């Protein structure tokens, strides 16, 4: 007998149900993984590979409009076929988006419809506050709640100092310390995981994301490797994948990322650097450039040591990078050309009955 699955266990809520047109014969499903042009989806009817229909693909102007892991889609289940057809993408409640690696004007949805983002950073040579600031900025902008997860505490000799350093840049963010080498070293994560909620694990290669997920799954499902000679973990995850936990919550494992570029993250930067934003308001001049103007609160804080130079430079770098990405003139031109091409092709298509 074919197993019947309740898609509500996978986070399909009334919010998504209300987004489906009343006159609809398609099946709602959630994207679990993407595999070489196909998507693995879960629906009430079961689990199946799916691909985008020609019409759906044709109507997508930019890459972020393609399905990503965690998305809810409407599919033609195609009972007799090997794969279903994705016909629509339901509106996202959140999306963790970065600039695509190696692409100057292209965004990439890392995970969609997530409630919490576990920003994982190891307490060994992976420790990097400037990268963490970048992660937090993008996480705040995603619409999900960021949580910093410090991993491999067994490799850290000055935990109290490292924790203090992270606290100095993670304003309003919970900070968890884990040690996957201990049987209960992952227990700190459990209060943030509950039925119907989706957690995305984000971080560099080899920080222990897969190991933590294996602990939560209660089995060694994901392949893991030990440390290299340079004390850094080996990259093991090669794709994004969503898992249903025995507890009822869901986790998304993601590969370690070489690049983590900003993509229109103004709000996230302002929230991550709230201390600097508050200082800037105190400047004598509203258009202060924080270089040579008298009464500059930023310069005063830097001179007195109330603001660390590294943090100020990190803020400037992320703002400059984000401002560049916001100037998407060439990107929008390309998008417009694509839409015109689609319109021309539609006009050339044969009319039914003629």
Protein backbone atom coordinates (compact mmCIF):
# COMPACT_ATOMS: atom_id res chain seq x y z
CA UNK A 1 0.00 0.00 0.00
CA UNK A 2 1.32 3.44 -0.96
CA UNK A 3 2.33 5.60 1.99
CA UNK A 4 0.24 8.75 2.43
CA UNK A 5 2.20 11.76 3.72
CA UNK A 6 0.76 14.78 5.52
CA UNK A 7 2.56 17.72 3.98
CA UNK A 8 1.65 19.84 7.02
CA UNK A 9 4.44 18.00 8.82
CA UNK A 10 6.76 19.68 6.33
CA UNK A 11 5.63 23.18 7.27
CA UNK A 12 2.73 23.58 4.85
CA UNK A 13 0.62 26.06 6.82
CA UNK A 14 -2.59 28.01 6.26
CA UNK A 15 -0.44 30.90 5.01
CA UNK A 16 0.71 28.83 2.03
CA UNK A 17 -2.68 27.19 1.54
CA UNK A 18 -4.34 30.62 1.22
CA UNK A 19 -1.90 31.54 -1.55
CA UNK A 20 -3.24 28.78 -3.81
CA UNK A 21 -5.90 29.90 -6.32
CA UNK A 22 -9.35 28.44 -5.61
CA UNK A 23 -9.64 27.01 -9.11
CA UNK A 24 -6.62 24.77 -8.75
CA UNK A 25 -6.10 21.13 -9.61
CA UNK A 26 -2.37 21.05 -8.88
CA UNK A 27 -0.69 19.34 -5.95
CA UNK A 28 1.21 21.42 -3.36
CA UNK A 29 4.66 20.09 -2.52
CA UNK A 30 7.88 21.17 -0.85
CA UNK A 31 11.33 21.07 -2.42
CA UNK A 32 13.62 18.74 -0.45
CA UNK A 33 16.68 18.83 -2.72
CA UNK A 34 17.88 19.81 -6.16
CA UNK A 35 19.67 17.22 -8.27
CA UNK A 36 21.10 17.96 -11.74
CA UNK A 37 18.19 19.94 -13.11
CA UNK A 38 15.59 17.92 -11.18
CA UNK A 39 13.98 18.68 -7.84
CA UNK A 40 13.10 16.11 -5.20
CA UNK A 41 9.75 17.10 -3.74
CA UNK A 42 7.44 15.84 -1.01
CA UNK A 43 3.64 16.05 -1.21
CA UNK A 44 0.62 14.32 0.34
CA UNK A 45 0.90 11.72 -2.42
CA UNK A 46 4.50 10.88 -1.58
CA UNK A 47 8.01 11.77 -2.69
CA UNK A 48 8.94 12.24 -6.32
CA UNK A 49 11.40 13.86 -8.71
CA UNK A 50 10.07 16.95 -10.46
CA UNK A 51 11.19 19.33 -13.16
CA UNK A 52 10.06 22.79 -14.18
CA UNK A 53 7.48 22.83 -16.94
CA UNK A 54 8.40 24.70 -20.09
CA UNK A 55 5.80 27.37 -19.37
CA UNK A 56 7.02 27.90 -15.81
CA UNK A 57 10.67 28.14 -16.88
CA UNK A 58 9.76 30.49 -19.71
CA UNK A 59 8.05 32.91 -17.34
CA UNK A 60 11.02 33.22 -14.96
CA UNK A 61 12.96 36.43 -15.60
CA UNK A 62 15.68 35.99 -12.96
CA UNK A 63 17.31 33.05 -11.22
CA UNK A 64 15.81 33.79 -7.79
CA UNK A 65 12.39 32.99 -9.28
CA UNK A 66 13.41 29.36 -9.77
CA UNK A 67 12.54 26.94 -6.95
CA UNK A 68 15.06 26.48 -4.14
CA UNK A 69 15.30 23.99 -1.30
CA UNK A 70 12.55 24.79 1.17
CA UNK A 71 10.20 26.30 -1.41
CA UNK A 72 6.57 25.28 -1.70
CA UNK A 73 5.48 24.63 -5.28
CA UNK A 74 2.38 23.54 -7.18
CA UNK A 75 2.94 20.49 -9.36
CA UNK A 76 1.18 18.37 -11.90
CA UNK A 77 1.75 15.04 -10.12
CA UNK A 78 1.57 12.99 -13.33
CA UNK A 79 0.58 9.65 -11.76
CA UNK A 80 1.72 7.62 -14.78
CA UNK A 81 5.02 9.43 -15.34
CA UNK A 82 8.39 9.21 -13.63
CA UNK A 83 8.52 12.88 -12.72
CA UNK A 84 6.10 15.62 -11.71
CA UNK A 85 5.94 19.02 -13.39
CA UNK A 86 6.41 22.22 -11.39
CA UNK A 87 3.86 24.74 -12.62
CA UNK A 88 3.99 27.47 -9.93
CA UNK A 89 6.02 28.75 -7.00
CA UNK A 90 4.13 29.84 -3.88
CA UNK A 91 5.16 33.17 -2.26
CA UNK A 92 8.07 32.80 0.16
CA UNK A 93 7.81 33.92 3.78
CA UNK A 94 11.61 34.17 3.99
CA UNK A 95 14.66 33.58 1.80
CA UNK A 96 18.37 33.51 2.58
CA UNK A 97 19.91 35.14 -0.51
CA UNK A 98 23.53 35.78 -1.40
CA UNK A 99 25.33 37.01 -4.47
CA UNK A 100 26.01 33.96 -6.61
CA UNK A 101 29.65 32.80 -6.50
CA UNK A 102 31.61 34.16 -9.46
CA UNK A 103 28.63 36.18 -10.78
CA UNK A 104 28.71 39.97 -10.43
CA UNK A 105 24.99 40.55 -11.04
CA UNK A 106 23.27 37.34 -10.10
CA UNK A 107 21.61 36.33 -6.86
CA UNK A 108 21.24 32.85 -5.40
CA UNK A 109 18.56 31.62 -3.00
CA UNK A 110 20.39 29.41 -0.51
CA UNK A 111 17.25 28.30 1.36
CA UNK A 112 13.61 29.39 1.42
CA UNK A 113 10.78 29.48 3.95
CA UNK A 114 13.07 29.14 6.94
CA UNK A 115 12.21 30.21 10.48
CA UNK A 116 15.69 30.23 12.00
CA UNK A 117 19.20 30.38 10.54
CA UNK A 118 21.94 28.62 12.49
CA UNK A 119 25.10 30.55 11.58
CA UNK A 120 27.81 28.01 12.32
CA UNK A 121 31.39 29.00 13.09
CA UNK A 122 34.03 26.70 14.53
CA UNK A 123 36.08 27.73 17.54
CA UNK A 124 39.37 26.72 15.92
CA UNK A 125 41.08 28.27 12.88
CA UNK A 126 37.69 28.90 11.23
CA UNK A 127 36.95 31.62 13.81
CA UNK A 128 36.45 34.92 11.97
CA UNK A 129 34.40 37.81 13.38
CA UNK A 130 34.36 39.76 10.12
CA UNK A 131 32.82 36.82 8.25
CA UNK A 132 30.31 36.35 11.06
CA UNK A 133 29.20 39.99 10.68
CA UNK A 134 28.57 39.27 7.01
CA UNK A 135 26.54 36.15 7.86
CA UNK A 136 24.45 37.99 10.45
CA UNK A 137 23.71 40.86 8.04
CA UNK A 138 22.41 38.51 5.35
CA UNK A 139 20.46 36.46 7.91
CA UNK A 140 18.64 39.49 9.33
CA UNK A 141 17.65 40.49 5.81
CA UNK A 142 16.31 37.01 5.00
CA UNK A 143 13.23 37.36 7.20
CA UNK A 144 14.37 34.48 9.44
CA UNK A 145 15.81 34.68 12.96
CA UNK A 146 19.63 34.37 13.12
CA UNK A 147 21.28 32.28 15.84
CA UNK A 148 25.06 31.97 16.13
CA UNK A 149 26.23 28.38 16.69
CA UNK A 150 29.83 28.05 17.85
CA UNK A 151 31.04 24.54 17.06
CA UNK A 152 34.01 22.40 18.08
CA UNK A 153 34.35 23.89 21.55
CA UNK A 154 36.65 20.96 22.39
CA UNK A 155 39.28 22.57 20.15
CA UNK A 156 39.13 25.94 21.93
CA UNK A 157 41.43 26.84 24.83
CA UNK A 158 39.94 30.29 25.52
CA UNK A 159 36.19 29.77 25.19
CA UNK A 160 35.23 32.65 27.50
CA UNK A 161 37.28 35.12 25.46
CA UNK A 162 35.94 33.86 22.11
CA UNK A 163 32.37 34.00 23.43
CA UNK A 164 32.94 37.59 24.53
CA UNK A 165 34.29 38.53 21.10
CA UNK A 166 31.25 37.05 19.37
CA UNK A 167 28.91 38.83 21.80
CA UNK A 168 30.54 42.13 20.84
CA UNK A 169 29.35 41.80 17.21
CA UNK A 170 26.16 39.71 17.56
CA UNK A 171 23.75 42.24 19.06
CA UNK A 172 20.33 40.78 19.83
CA UNK A 173 21.36 37.33 18.57
CA UNK A 174 21.40 34.14 20.64
CA UNK A 175 24.81 32.47 20.83
CA UNK A 176 25.04 28.70 21.34
CA UNK A 177 28.15 26.63 22.08
CA UNK A 178 28.27 23.03 20.85
CA UNK A 179 30.65 20.09 20.92
CA UNK A 180 29.59 17.30 18.60
CA UNK A 181 32.27 15.01 20.06
CA UNK A 182 30.20 14.73 23.24
CA UNK A 183 27.00 12.66 23.26
CA UNK A 184 24.86 15.59 24.39
CA UNK A 185 27.01 18.30 22.81
CA UNK A 186 24.20 19.37 20.50
CA UNK A 187 21.46 19.79 23.14
CA UNK A 188 21.81 23.59 23.07
CA UNK A 189 20.09 23.54 19.67
CA UNK A 190 16.91 21.74 20.76
CA UNK A 191 14.97 24.72 22.21
CA UNK A 192 15.06 26.34 18.76
CA UNK A 193 13.65 23.29 16.95
CA UNK A 194 9.96 22.43 17.04
CA UNK A 195 7.29 20.79 14.89
CA UNK A 196 6.56 22.63 11.67
CA UNK A 197 9.59 24.92 11.97
CA UNK A 198 12.48 24.94 9.48
CA UNK A 199 16.10 25.59 10.45
CA UNK A 200 18.86 26.27 7.90
CA UNK A 201 22.48 25.48 8.79
CA UNK A 202 24.83 28.02 7.18
CA UNK A 203 28.61 28.18 7.51
CA UNK A 204 32.02 27.49 6.02
CA UNK A 205 33.15 24.06 4.89
CA UNK A 206 34.04 21.65 7.66
CA UNK A 207 32.64 23.59 10.64
CA UNK A 208 30.57 20.57 11.70
CA UNK A 209 27.12 21.35 10.25
CA UNK A 210 26.57 17.80 8.96
CA UNK A 211 27.77 16.29 12.23
CA UNK A 212 25.24 18.33 14.21
CA UNK A 213 22.45 17.37 11.80
CA UNK A 214 23.38 13.70 12.15
CA UNK A 215 23.02 14.09 15.93
CA UNK A 216 19.59 15.64 15.47
CA UNK A 217 18.55 12.90 13.02
CA UNK A 218 19.75 10.23 15.45
CA UNK A 219 21.74 8.47 12.71
CA UNK A 220 24.86 8.95 10.60
CA UNK A 221 22.95 9.94 7.48
CA UNK A 222 25.28 12.66 6.22
CA UNK A 223 28.88 11.89 5.38
CA UNK A 224 31.42 13.64 7.58
CA UNK A 225 35.21 13.83 7.59
CA UNK A 226 37.74 14.69 10.23
CA UNK A 227 40.14 17.61 10.40
CA UNK A 228 42.86 18.29 7.85
CA UNK A 229 46.44 18.89 8.92
CA UNK A 230 45.77 22.64 9.11
CA UNK A 231 43.07 22.13 11.79
CA UNK A 232 40.27 22.95 9.35
CA UNK A 233 37.41 20.60 8.56
CA UNK A 234 37.05 18.85 5.23
CA UNK A 235 34.21 19.85 2.93
CA UNK A 236 31.64 17.04 2.70
CA UNK A 237 28.16 18.41 1.87
CA UNK A 238 27.75 18.90 -1.87
CA UNK A 239 24.10 19.95 -2.12
CA UNK A 240 21.34 21.62 -0.14
CA UNK A 241 18.87 19.20 1.37
CA UNK A 242 15.89 19.38 3.74
CA UNK A 243 15.35 16.70 6.39
CA UNK A 244 12.38 15.97 8.64
CA UNK A 245 13.61 15.32 12.18
CA UNK A 246 12.15 12.72 14.55
CA UNK A 247 11.11 15.65 16.76
CA UNK A 248 8.92 17.01 13.95
CA UNK A 249 11.07 20.01 13.03
CA UNK A 250 13.03 20.33 9.80
CA UNK A 251 16.64 21.20 9.03
CA UNK A 252 18.33 22.24 5.79
CA UNK A 253 21.95 21.25 5.30
CA UNK A 254 23.95 23.50 2.99
CA UNK A 255 27.43 23.16 1.45
CA UNK A 256 30.21 25.33 2.80
CA UNK A 257 30.49 28.46 0.66
CA UNK A 258 33.69 29.98 -0.70
CA UNK A 259 31.97 33.32 -1.37
CA UNK A 260 29.22 35.02 0.59
CA UNK A 261 28.52 38.22 -1.31
CA UNK A 262 25.98 40.82 -0.25
CA UNK A 263 22.77 41.18 -2.26
CA UNK A 264 20.65 44.22 -1.36
CA UNK A 265 21.13 43.74 2.40
CA UNK A 266 20.82 47.32 3.67
CA UNK A 267 18.36 46.44 6.43
CA UNK A 268 20.49 43.53 7.62
CA UNK A 269 23.64 45.65 7.74
CA UNK A 270 21.91 48.39 9.71
CA UNK A 271 20.63 45.88 12.23
CA UNK A 272 23.96 44.03 12.55
CA UNK A 273 25.86 47.30 13.05
CA UNK A 274 23.26 49.00 15.21
CA UNK A 275 26.04 50.41 17.43
CA UNK A 276 27.61 52.24 14.47
CA UNK A 277 24.24 53.42 13.15
CA UNK A 278 23.46 54.91 16.58
CA UNK A 279 26.83 56.66 16.70
CA UNK A 280 26.30 58.15 13.21
CA UNK A 281 23.08 59.80 14.38
CA UNK A 282 25.09 61.66 17.04
CA UNK A 283 27.38 63.33 14.48
CA UNK A 284 27.17 67.14 14.34
CA UNK A 285 26.29 67.12 10.65
CA UNK A 286 23.59 64.87 9.20
CA UNK A 287 25.64 64.37 6.02
CA UNK A 288 28.85 63.59 7.89
CA UNK A 289 31.28 61.44 5.91
CA UNK A 290 33.15 60.44 9.09
CA UNK A 291 36.49 61.56 7.65
CA UNK A 292 37.41 65.12 8.69
CA UNK A 293 34.25 66.87 9.84
CA UNK A 294 34.21 68.44 13.32
CA UNK A 295 31.86 66.82 15.82
CA UNK A 296 32.01 63.37 14.19
CA UNK A 297 30.82 60.79 16.73
CA UNK A 298 32.35 57.93 14.73
CA UNK A 299 35.85 59.43 14.74
CA UNK A 300 35.53 60.27 18.42
CA UNK A 301 34.51 56.67 19.26
CA UNK A 302 37.46 55.34 17.23
CA UNK A 303 39.91 57.66 19.04
CA UNK A 304 38.56 56.72 22.48
CA UNK A 305 38.48 53.00 21.70
CA UNK A 306 34.71 52.76 22.09
CA UNK A 307 34.56 51.52 18.48
CA UNK A 308 37.12 49.04 17.18
CA UNK A 309 38.84 49.95 13.91
CA UNK A 310 38.31 46.44 12.50
CA UNK A 311 34.56 46.64 13.08
CA UNK A 312 34.34 50.10 11.51
CA UNK A 313 36.28 48.91 8.45
CA UNK A 314 34.05 45.82 8.20
CA UNK A 315 30.95 48.05 8.26
CA UNK A 316 32.39 50.28 5.53
CA UNK A 317 33.33 47.29 3.39
CA UNK A 318 29.90 45.65 3.61
CA UNK A 319 28.12 48.97 2.95
CA UNK A 320 30.30 49.64 -0.11
CA UNK A 321 29.77 46.11 -1.41
CA UNK A 322 26.04 46.32 -0.85
CA UNK A 323 25.76 49.76 -2.48
CA UNK A 324 27.50 48.35 -5.53
CA UNK A 325 25.05 45.44 -5.72
CA UNK A 326 22.08 47.80 -5.30
CA UNK A 327 23.21 49.60 -8.44
CA UNK A 328 21.86 46.82 -10.63
CA UNK A 329 21.50 48.89 -13.80
CA UNK A 330 23.13 46.28 -16.02
CA UNK A 331 21.20 43.55 -14.20
CA UNK A 332 17.85 45.27 -14.76
CA UNK A 333 18.71 45.96 -18.40
CA UNK A 334 19.43 42.26 -18.88
CA UNK A 335 16.16 41.40 -17.16
CA UNK A 336 14.27 43.81 -19.46
CA UNK A 337 15.85 42.27 -22.54
CA UNK A 338 14.83 38.83 -21.35
CA UNK A 339 11.21 39.95 -20.86
CA UNK A 340 11.14 41.48 -24.36
CA UNK A 341 12.50 38.24 -25.84
CA UNK A 342 9.74 36.29 -24.07
CA UNK A 343 7.07 38.66 -25.42
CA UNK A 344 8.37 38.24 -28.97
CA UNK A 345 8.39 34.46 -28.70
CA UNK A 346 4.86 34.41 -27.28
CA UNK A 347 3.60 36.44 -30.24
CA UNK A 348 5.17 33.92 -32.63
CA UNK A 349 3.56 30.93 -30.90
CA UNK A 350 0.69 29.29 -32.86
CA UNK A 351 -2.82 30.06 -31.64
CA UNK A 352 -4.85 27.03 -30.60
CA UNK A 353 -7.36 26.02 -33.26
CA UNK A 354 -5.57 27.81 -36.12
